[in-house]
Amino acid sequence: QVQLVESGGGLVQPGGSLTLSCTASGSIFSINSMDWYRQAPGKERELVARLTSVGTTNYADSVKGRFTISRDNAKMTVYLQMNSLKPEDTAVYYCKTNLNGLVGGVRRYGMDYWGKGTLVTVSS
């Protein structure tokens, strides 16, 4: 079974930095994309950053220039480096992947998987 496990959340002061990580495991043939989403109380979940298998990146306008998404293929891990954090960045951050894998001995394509989330709180 495919699993995504996030880590690195916590409390940080405005202007500070934090790095999140997400490690994938399971019967995976290839990963099409790795995403970071976030959801603040009372708001809809939004896409923060996306990294495709060919290295294309996309960022929300609100985080462009402050956040960087990267990967370590050997460790099957994607990172989100967050700098110059603001109180409005406070949210639960979720890792999401779209991948091709093996389910019950059969190849499956374009499957989505979500991590359980990690809380980031930016406050003085």
Protein backbone atom coordinates (compact mmCIF):
# COMPACT_ATOMS: atom_id res chain seq x y z
CA GLN A 1 0.00 0.00 0.00
CA VAL A 2 1.30 3.48 -0.88
CA GLN A 3 1.92 5.79 2.05
CA LEU A 4 2.96 9.44 2.38
CA VAL A 5 4.38 10.65 5.69
CA GLU A 6 4.94 14.37 6.38
CA SER A 7 7.17 15.89 9.04
CA GLY A 8 8.68 19.24 10.02
CA GLY A 9 5.66 21.25 11.15
CA GLY A 10 5.68 23.36 14.30
CA LEU A 11 5.59 26.86 15.78
CA VAL A 12 7.72 29.60 14.22
CA GLN A 13 7.86 33.39 14.61
CA PRO A 14 7.00 35.76 11.73
CA GLY A 15 9.99 36.16 9.44
CA GLY A 16 11.34 32.76 10.39
CA SER A 17 11.97 29.65 8.30
CA LEU A 18 10.77 26.06 8.35
CA THR A 19 11.34 23.01 6.14
CA LEU A 20 8.70 20.32 5.60
CA SER A 21 9.44 16.85 4.25
CA CYS A 22 7.28 14.10 2.76
CA THR A 23 8.49 10.53 2.19
CA ALA A 24 6.69 8.08 -0.11
CA SER A 25 6.75 4.29 0.18
CA GLY A 26 4.99 1.31 -1.40
CA SER A 27 4.67 -0.41 -4.79
CA ILE A 28 5.47 2.62 -6.93
CA PHE A 29 6.57 2.43 -10.56
CA SER A 30 6.87 6.15 -11.18
CA ILE A 31 5.73 9.46 -9.72
CA ASN A 32 3.98 11.95 -12.00
CA SER A 33 3.91 14.84 -9.54
CA MET A 34 4.42 15.73 -5.89
CA ASP A 35 2.37 18.57 -4.42
CA TRP A 36 2.08 20.58 -1.22
CA TYR A 37 -1.39 21.82 -0.25
CA ARG A 38 -2.49 23.78 2.79
CA GLN A 39 -5.78 24.45 4.55
CA ALA A 40 -6.41 27.20 7.10
CA PRO A 41 -9.46 27.21 9.42
CA GLY A 42 -12.60 28.23 7.54
CA LYS A 43 -10.87 28.20 4.14
CA GLU A 44 -10.71 25.76 1.26
CA ARG A 45 -7.65 23.63 0.68
CA GLU A 46 -5.29 25.31 -1.79
CA LEU A 47 -2.32 24.21 -3.88
CA VAL A 48 0.91 25.74 -2.58
CA ALA A 49 3.56 24.13 -4.80
CA ARG A 50 3.89 21.36 -7.40
CA LEU A 51 6.90 19.50 -8.76
CA THR A 52 6.51 17.23 -11.82
CA SER A 53 8.62 14.27 -12.91
CA VAL A 54 10.32 16.45 -15.56
CA GLY A 55 11.22 19.17 -13.05
CA THR A 56 8.48 21.71 -13.77
CA THR A 57 7.44 23.76 -10.74
CA ASN A 58 4.31 25.76 -9.95
CA TYR A 59 3.74 28.05 -6.96
CA ALA A 60 0.80 29.94 -5.57
CA ASP A 61 1.25 33.69 -6.05
CA SER A 62 1.09 34.19 -2.29
CA VAL A 63 4.24 32.10 -1.69
CA LYS A 64 6.27 32.70 -4.87
CA GLY A 65 9.76 33.92 -3.99
CA ARG A 66 9.46 32.70 -0.39
CA PHE A 67 8.84 28.93 -0.74
CA THR A 68 10.87 26.36 -2.68
CA ILE A 69 9.86 22.79 -3.55
CA SER A 70 12.59 20.20 -4.20
CA ARG A 71 13.14 16.44 -4.17
CA ASP A 72 15.63 13.71 -3.35
CA ASN A 73 14.85 10.78 -5.65
CA ALA A 74 17.10 8.33 -3.79
CA LYS A 75 15.20 8.98 -0.55
CA MET A 76 11.78 9.18 -2.27
CA THR A 77 11.29 12.48 -0.46
CA VAL A 78 9.95 15.91 -1.43
CA TYR A 79 10.70 19.06 0.59
CA LEU A 80 9.11 22.46 1.05
CA GLN A 81 11.53 25.15 2.22
CA MET A 82 9.55 28.06 3.68
CA ASN A 83 11.25 31.41 4.30
CA SER A 84 10.02 34.82 5.48
CA LEU A 85 6.97 33.20 7.05
CA LYS A 86 3.86 35.29 7.70
CA PRO A 87 0.92 34.71 10.09
CA GLU A 88 -1.30 34.07 7.06
CA ASP A 89 0.86 31.03 6.25
CA THR A 90 -0.60 29.30 9.32
CA ALA A 91 -2.36 26.12 8.15
CA VAL A 92 -2.26 22.36 8.04
CA TYR A 93 0.09 21.42 5.20
CA TYR A 94 -0.59 18.25 3.21
CA CYS A 95 1.62 16.26 0.86
CA LYS A 96 -0.11 14.81 -2.22
CA THR A 97 1.17 12.65 -5.07
CA ASN A 98 -0.12 11.44 -8.43
CA LEU A 99 1.65 8.22 -9.35
CA ASN A 100 1.69 4.94 -11.25
CA GLY A 101 1.94 1.78 -9.17
CA LEU A 102 1.03 -1.83 -8.51
CA VAL A 103 -2.29 -2.68 -6.82
CA GLY A 104 -3.18 -6.34 -6.24
CA GLY A 105 -0.56 -7.39 -8.77
CA VAL A 106 -2.02 -5.11 -11.48
CA ARG A 107 -0.50 -1.92 -12.90
CA ARG A 108 -2.54 1.19 -12.15
CA TYR A 109 -1.98 4.68 -13.54
CA GLY A 110 -2.79 8.18 -12.34
CA MET A 111 -3.57 7.34 -8.71
CA ASP A 112 -3.80 10.09 -6.07
CA TYR A 113 -2.56 9.67 -2.49
CA TRP A 114 -2.62 12.12 0.44
CA GLY A 115 -0.60 12.40 3.61
CA LYS A 116 -2.28 13.07 6.96
CA GLY A 117 -0.95 16.62 7.24
CA THR A 118 1.37 18.59 9.52
CA LEU A 119 0.46 21.82 11.34
CA VAL A 120 2.46 25.01 10.76
CA THR A 121 1.74 27.92 13.12
CA VAL A 122 3.33 31.34 12.49
CA SER A 123 2.88 33.54 15.54
CA SER A 124 4.81 35.76 17.94
